[in-house]
Amino acid sequence: MARTTRRRRRKHRGTQGGSIDRRGGARRPRSRQEARARAKKQLGQKRERVPSWGSALGRGAFGAAIFFVLLVVIFGRPAAPSFAFAALMLLIYVPMGHYIDRFFYNRRQAARHRERERRERGE
């Protein structure tokens, strides 16, 4: 037999005291369009951060680890020289990654500055 009452879709989030905890901005987007807008906004916020040595170090360590695994597993090289080579690659990856990030960040900032000046002039 068919149900006459609708089943609830979300958990009741009440407390013993009777208040209801509302989940703020962490709720799921209601539509595909809202999800796209939220993702675009988050990407924009991420791209606005100033490049840091910490983020470059994390990315460089990840790249060096992949390089080490490739040397040992795929190419069958001994672990000790592979580790030394991966450490050398880390020393190359970190500054290279930081300066590339900084280059693109400065480029985006210059473009934004030019756009702002053009709008102020009324073009």
N, C-alpha and C. Protein backbone atom coordinates (compact mmCIF):
# COMPACT_ATOMS: atom_id res chain seq x y z
N MET A 1 0.83 -1.18 0.00
CA MET A 1 0.00 0.00 0.00
C MET A 1 0.88 1.25 0.00
N ALA A 2 0.45 2.29 -0.66
CA ALA A 2 1.23 3.52 -0.78
C ALA A 2 1.23 4.28 0.54
N ARG A 3 2.31 4.99 0.76
CA ARG A 3 2.42 5.80 1.97
C ARG A 3 1.57 7.05 1.85
N THR A 4 0.98 7.42 2.96
CA THR A 4 0.17 8.64 2.94
C THR A 4 0.97 9.83 3.48
N THR A 5 2.01 9.54 4.24
CA THR A 5 2.83 10.64 4.77
C THR A 5 4.17 10.66 4.06
N ARG A 6 4.67 11.85 3.86
CA ARG A 6 5.98 11.96 3.21
C ARG A 6 7.07 11.67 4.22
N ARG A 7 8.07 10.97 3.78
CA ARG A 7 9.21 10.72 4.65
C ARG A 7 10.09 11.96 4.67
N ARG A 8 10.71 12.21 5.82
CA ARG A 8 11.55 13.40 5.87
C ARG A 8 12.87 13.13 5.15
N ARG A 9 13.39 14.16 4.53
CA ARG A 9 14.61 14.02 3.74
C ARG A 9 15.85 14.37 4.53
N ARG A 10 15.70 15.19 5.54
CA ARG A 10 16.85 15.61 6.32
C ARG A 10 16.66 15.24 7.78
N LYS A 11 17.78 15.10 8.45
CA LYS A 11 17.75 14.75 9.85
C LYS A 11 17.23 15.92 10.69
N HIS A 12 16.48 15.63 11.72
CA HIS A 12 16.10 16.67 12.66
C HIS A 12 17.32 17.00 13.49
N ARG A 13 17.67 18.27 13.56
CA ARG A 13 18.88 18.65 14.26
C ARG A 13 18.57 19.37 15.57
N GLY A 14 17.58 18.93 16.28
CA GLY A 14 17.23 19.56 17.54
C GLY A 14 18.12 19.09 18.68
N THR A 15 18.20 19.91 19.74
CA THR A 15 18.95 19.53 20.93
C THR A 15 17.98 19.15 22.03
N GLN A 16 18.49 18.66 23.14
CA GLN A 16 17.61 18.26 24.24
C GLN A 16 16.89 19.46 24.84
N GLY A 17 17.52 20.63 24.74
CA GLY A 17 16.89 21.84 25.28
C GLY A 17 15.77 22.35 24.40
N GLY A 18 15.62 21.83 23.21
CA GLY A 18 14.53 22.23 22.34
C GLY A 18 14.94 23.18 21.23
N SER A 19 16.18 23.67 21.26
CA SER A 19 16.59 24.57 20.18
C SER A 19 17.02 23.75 18.97
N ILE A 20 16.95 24.37 17.83
CA ILE A 20 17.30 23.68 16.60
C ILE A 20 18.57 24.29 16.05
N ASP A 21 19.58 23.46 15.82
CA ASP A 21 20.83 23.93 15.25
C ASP A 21 20.64 24.09 13.75
N ARG A 22 20.88 25.28 13.27
CA ARG A 22 20.77 25.53 11.83
C ARG A 22 22.15 25.46 11.23
N ARG A 23 22.26 24.75 10.16
CA ARG A 23 23.53 24.71 9.45
C ARG A 23 23.55 25.90 8.52
N GLY A 24 24.54 26.76 8.68
CA GLY A 24 24.60 28.01 7.95
C GLY A 24 24.96 27.83 6.48
N GLY A 25 26.12 28.34 6.09
CA GLY A 25 26.51 28.35 4.70
C GLY A 25 26.96 27.00 4.18
N ALA A 26 26.97 25.99 5.04
CA ALA A 26 27.46 24.68 4.62
C ALA A 26 26.39 23.82 3.97
N ARG A 27 25.22 24.39 3.78
CA ARG A 27 24.14 23.56 3.22
C ARG A 27 24.41 23.26 1.74
N ARG A 28 23.75 22.26 1.27
CA ARG A 28 23.93 21.86 -0.13
C ARG A 28 23.27 22.86 -1.06
N PRO A 29 23.88 23.10 -2.22
CA PRO A 29 23.25 24.01 -3.17
C PRO A 29 21.92 23.41 -3.67
N ARG A 30 20.95 24.28 -3.89
CA ARG A 30 19.62 23.81 -4.30
C ARG A 30 19.55 23.46 -5.77
N SER A 31 20.39 24.05 -6.58
CA SER A 31 20.33 23.77 -8.01
C SER A 31 21.75 23.66 -8.57
N ARG A 32 21.81 23.17 -9.77
CA ARG A 32 23.10 23.04 -10.46
C ARG A 32 23.73 24.41 -10.68
N GLN A 33 22.88 25.37 -10.97
CA GLN A 33 23.35 26.73 -11.22
C GLN A 33 23.97 27.33 -9.95
N GLU A 34 23.33 27.10 -8.82
CA GLU A 34 23.88 27.59 -7.55
C GLU A 34 25.19 26.90 -7.22
N ALA A 35 25.30 25.62 -7.52
CA ALA A 35 26.55 24.89 -7.28
C ALA A 35 27.67 25.45 -8.14
N ARG A 36 27.38 25.75 -9.39
CA ARG A 36 28.40 26.32 -10.28
C ARG A 36 28.84 27.69 -9.78
N ALA A 37 27.86 28.51 -9.36
CA ALA A 37 28.20 29.85 -8.87
C ALA A 37 29.06 29.77 -7.62
N ARG A 38 28.74 28.84 -6.73
CA ARG A 38 29.53 28.68 -5.51
C ARG A 38 30.94 28.21 -5.82
N ALA A 39 31.09 27.27 -6.75
CA ALA A 39 32.41 26.77 -7.13
C ALA A 39 33.24 27.87 -7.78
N LYS A 40 32.60 28.67 -8.62
CA LYS A 40 33.31 29.77 -9.29
C LYS A 40 33.79 30.80 -8.28
N LYS A 41 32.95 31.07 -7.27
CA LYS A 41 33.32 32.03 -6.24
C LYS A 41 34.51 31.51 -5.42
N GLN A 42 34.50 30.22 -5.08
CA GLN A 42 35.59 29.65 -4.31
C GLN A 42 36.89 29.65 -5.09
N LEU A 43 36.81 29.38 -6.39
CA LEU A 43 38.01 29.41 -7.22
C LEU A 43 38.56 30.81 -7.30
N GLY A 44 37.69 31.80 -7.41
CA GLY A 44 38.12 33.18 -7.45
C GLY A 44 38.82 33.59 -6.17
N GLN A 45 38.29 33.14 -5.02
CA GLN A 45 38.91 33.46 -3.74
C GLN A 45 40.27 32.78 -3.62
N LYS A 46 40.38 31.57 -4.13
CA LYS A 46 41.64 30.85 -4.05
C LYS A 46 42.70 31.52 -4.92
N ARG A 47 42.30 32.00 -6.07
CA ARG A 47 43.25 32.62 -6.99
C ARG A 47 43.70 33.99 -6.50
N GLU A 48 42.97 34.59 -5.56
CA GLU A 48 43.32 35.92 -5.07
C GLU A 48 44.38 35.89 -3.98
N ARG A 49 44.68 34.71 -3.45
CA ARG A 49 45.67 34.63 -2.38
C ARG A 49 47.07 34.88 -2.93
N VAL A 50 47.87 35.57 -2.13
CA VAL A 50 49.25 35.83 -2.51
C VAL A 50 50.03 34.52 -2.43
N PRO A 51 50.86 34.22 -3.43
CA PRO A 51 51.63 32.98 -3.40
C PRO A 51 52.55 32.93 -2.17
N SER A 52 52.64 31.77 -1.56
CA SER A 52 53.48 31.62 -0.38
C SER A 52 54.49 30.50 -0.60
N TRP A 53 55.56 30.58 0.18
CA TRP A 53 56.58 29.53 0.10
C TRP A 53 56.05 28.22 0.65
N GLY A 54 55.12 28.30 1.59
CA GLY A 54 54.54 27.08 2.17
C GLY A 54 53.76 26.27 1.15
N SER A 55 52.96 26.97 0.34
CA SER A 55 52.20 26.25 -0.68
C SER A 55 53.14 25.69 -1.74
N ALA A 56 54.20 26.45 -2.06
CA ALA A 56 55.18 25.95 -3.04
C ALA A 56 55.92 24.74 -2.49
N LEU A 57 56.20 24.75 -1.18
CA LEU A 57 56.89 23.61 -0.57
C LEU A 57 56.00 22.37 -0.60
N GLY A 58 54.72 22.54 -0.31
CA GLY A 58 53.80 21.40 -0.34
C GLY A 58 53.68 20.80 -1.73
N ARG A 59 53.54 21.66 -2.73
CA ARG A 59 53.44 21.17 -4.11
C ARG A 59 54.74 20.53 -4.56
N GLY A 60 55.86 21.14 -4.18
CA GLY A 60 57.16 20.59 -4.55
C GLY A 60 57.40 19.23 -3.91
N ALA A 61 57.01 19.09 -2.63
CA ALA A 61 57.17 17.81 -1.93
C ALA A 61 56.31 16.72 -2.59
N PHE A 62 55.11 17.10 -2.99
CA PHE A 62 54.24 16.14 -3.67
C PHE A 62 54.87 15.70 -4.99
N GLY A 63 55.39 16.65 -5.75
CA GLY A 63 56.04 16.32 -7.03
C GLY A 63 57.28 15.46 -6.83
N ALA A 64 58.07 15.78 -5.81
CA ALA A 64 59.28 14.99 -5.54
C ALA A 64 58.92 13.57 -5.10
N ALA A 65 57.85 13.43 -4.32
CA ALA A 65 57.41 12.10 -3.89
C ALA A 65 56.97 11.26 -5.09
N ILE A 66 56.23 11.87 -6.00
CA ILE A 66 55.82 11.15 -7.20
C ILE A 66 57.04 10.76 -8.03
N PHE A 67 58.00 11.66 -8.12
CA PHE A 67 59.24 11.40 -8.85
C PHE A 67 59.98 10.21 -8.23
N PHE A 68 60.05 10.17 -6.89
CA PHE A 68 60.71 9.06 -6.18
C PHE A 68 60.01 7.74 -6.46
N VAL A 69 58.68 7.74 -6.37
CA VAL A 69 57.92 6.51 -6.61
C VAL A 69 58.11 6.03 -8.04
N LEU A 70 58.11 6.93 -8.99
CA LEU A 70 58.33 6.54 -10.39
C LEU A 70 59.70 5.92 -10.58
N LEU A 71 60.72 6.52 -9.97
CA LEU A 71 62.07 5.97 -10.13
C LEU A 71 62.18 4.58 -9.54
N VAL A 72 61.61 4.38 -8.35
CA VAL A 72 61.76 3.10 -7.66
C VAL A 72 60.86 2.03 -8.27
N VAL A 73 59.58 2.35 -8.46
CA VAL A 73 58.61 1.33 -8.88
C VAL A 73 58.65 1.09 -10.38
N ILE A 74 58.56 2.14 -11.16
CA ILE A 74 58.45 1.98 -12.60
C ILE A 74 59.81 1.65 -13.23
N PHE A 75 60.83 2.44 -12.86
CA PHE A 75 62.13 2.26 -13.50
C PHE A 75 63.05 1.30 -12.76
N GLY A 76 62.64 0.82 -11.59
CA GLY A 76 63.39 -0.20 -10.87
C GLY A 76 64.75 0.25 -10.36
N ARG A 77 64.89 1.50 -10.01
CA ARG A 77 66.16 2.03 -9.49
C ARG A 77 66.26 1.77 -7.99
N PRO A 78 67.49 1.71 -7.45
CA PRO A 78 67.66 1.54 -5.99
C PRO A 78 67.08 2.75 -5.23
N ALA A 79 66.66 2.50 -4.00
CA ALA A 79 65.95 3.53 -3.24
C ALA A 79 66.86 4.68 -2.81
N ALA A 80 68.07 4.41 -2.36
CA ALA A 80 68.94 5.47 -1.83
C ALA A 80 69.29 6.52 -2.89
N PRO A 81 69.80 6.13 -4.06
CA PRO A 81 70.08 7.16 -5.06
C PRO A 81 68.81 7.86 -5.57
N SER A 82 67.71 7.11 -5.62
CA SER A 82 66.45 7.69 -6.05
C SER A 82 65.99 8.76 -5.06
N PHE A 83 66.19 8.50 -3.75
CA PHE A 83 65.81 9.47 -2.74
C PHE A 83 66.66 10.74 -2.87
N ALA A 84 67.96 10.56 -3.11
CA ALA A 84 68.85 11.71 -3.28
C ALA A 84 68.43 12.53 -4.51
N PHE A 85 68.08 11.85 -5.57
CA PHE A 85 67.66 12.54 -6.78
C PHE A 85 66.33 13.26 -6.56
N ALA A 86 65.42 12.64 -5.82
CA ALA A 86 64.14 13.27 -5.50
C ALA A 86 64.35 14.51 -4.62
N ALA A 87 65.31 14.44 -3.69
CA ALA A 87 65.62 15.61 -2.86
C ALA A 87 66.18 16.75 -3.72
N LEU A 88 67.00 16.41 -4.69
CA LEU A 88 67.51 17.42 -5.62
C LEU A 88 66.36 18.04 -6.41
N MET A 89 65.43 17.22 -6.85
CA MET A 89 64.28 17.73 -7.59
C MET A 89 63.41 18.63 -6.70
N LEU A 90 63.33 18.30 -5.41
CA LEU A 90 62.59 19.15 -4.48
C LEU A 90 63.23 20.53 -4.42
N LEU A 91 64.55 20.57 -4.39
CA LEU A 91 65.25 21.86 -4.35
C LEU A 91 65.02 22.67 -5.62
N ILE A 92 64.71 22.01 -6.71
CA ILE A 92 64.41 22.71 -7.96
C ILE A 92 62.94 23.09 -8.03
N TYR A 93 62.05 22.17 -7.60
CA TYR A 93 60.61 22.39 -7.73
C TYR A 93 60.10 23.54 -6.87
N VAL A 94 60.61 23.68 -5.64
CA VAL A 94 60.05 24.66 -4.72
C VAL A 94 60.23 26.10 -5.23
N PRO A 95 61.46 26.55 -5.51
CA PRO A 95 61.57 27.93 -6.00
C PRO A 95 60.91 28.13 -7.37
N MET A 96 61.02 27.11 -8.23
CA MET A 96 60.41 27.23 -9.55
C MET A 96 58.89 27.41 -9.42
N GLY A 97 58.26 26.60 -8.58
CA GLY A 97 56.82 26.70 -8.38
C GLY A 97 56.42 28.03 -7.77
N HIS A 98 57.20 28.52 -6.81
CA HIS A 98 56.87 29.79 -6.18
C HIS A 98 56.96 30.94 -7.18
N TYR A 99 58.02 30.97 -7.96
CA TYR A 99 58.18 32.08 -8.90
C TYR A 99 57.17 32.01 -10.05
N ILE A 100 56.78 30.83 -10.45
CA ILE A 100 55.73 30.72 -11.47
C ILE A 100 54.40 31.22 -10.91
N ASP A 101 54.07 30.82 -9.67
CA ASP A 101 52.85 31.30 -9.02
C ASP A 101 52.86 32.82 -8.90
N ARG A 102 54.00 33.35 -8.50
CA ARG A 102 54.10 34.80 -8.32
C ARG A 102 53.96 35.54 -9.65
N PHE A 103 54.52 34.97 -10.71
CA PHE A 103 54.40 35.58 -12.03
C PHE A 103 52.93 35.69 -12.45
N PHE A 104 52.19 34.59 -12.32
CA PHE A 104 50.78 34.61 -12.73
C PHE A 104 49.94 35.48 -11.80
N TYR A 105 50.26 35.50 -10.51
CA TYR A 105 49.54 36.36 -9.57
C TYR A 105 49.73 37.83 -9.95
N ASN A 106 50.98 38.23 -10.20
CA ASN A 106 51.26 39.62 -10.58
C ASN A 106 50.57 39.97 -11.89
N ARG A 107 50.52 39.03 -12.80
CA ARG A 107 49.85 39.27 -14.08
C ARG A 107 48.35 39.51 -13.90
N ARG A 108 47.72 38.69 -13.04
CA ARG A 108 46.29 38.88 -12.75
C ARG A 108 46.04 40.22 -12.07
N GLN A 109 46.92 40.59 -11.15
CA GLN A 109 46.75 41.87 -10.45
C GLN A 109 46.91 43.04 -11.41
N ALA A 110 47.87 42.96 -12.33
CA ALA A 110 48.06 44.04 -13.29
C ALA A 110 46.85 44.17 -14.21
N ALA A 111 46.30 43.04 -14.64
CA ALA A 111 45.11 43.07 -15.49
C ALA A 111 43.93 43.68 -14.74
N ARG A 112 43.78 43.33 -13.48
CA ARG A 112 42.69 43.90 -12.67
C ARG A 112 42.89 45.40 -12.51
N HIS A 113 44.13 45.82 -12.31
CA HIS A 113 44.44 47.25 -12.16
C HIS A 113 44.12 48.01 -13.45
N ARG A 114 44.50 47.45 -14.58
CA ARG A 114 44.21 48.08 -15.87
C ARG A 114 42.70 48.18 -16.09
N GLU A 115 41.98 47.13 -15.76
CA GLU A 115 40.52 47.13 -15.91
C GLU A 115 39.87 48.20 -15.04
N ARG A 116 40.35 48.34 -13.81
CA ARG A 116 39.81 49.34 -12.89
C ARG A 116 40.08 50.75 -13.41
N GLU A 117 41.29 50.97 -13.91
CA GLU A 117 41.61 52.30 -14.47
C GLU A 117 40.76 52.61 -15.69
N ARG A 118 40.54 51.61 -16.53
CA ARG A 118 39.72 51.82 -17.72
C ARG A 118 38.29 52.17 -17.35
N ARG A 119 37.75 51.51 -16.31
CA ARG A 119 36.39 51.81 -15.85
C ARG A 119 36.30 53.21 -15.26
N GLU A 120 37.36 53.62 -14.55
CA GLU A 120 37.34 54.95 -13.94
C GLU A 120 37.39 56.06 -15.01
N ARG A 121 38.08 55.80 -16.11
CA ARG A 121 38.15 56.77 -17.20
C ARG A 121 36.87 56.82 -18.02
N GLY A 122 36.05 55.78 -17.87
CA GLY A 122 34.77 55.77 -18.59
C GLY A 122 34.83 55.15 -19.96
N GLU A 123 35.78 54.29 -20.19
CA GLU A 123 35.89 53.65 -21.51
C GLU A 123 35.01 52.43 -21.59
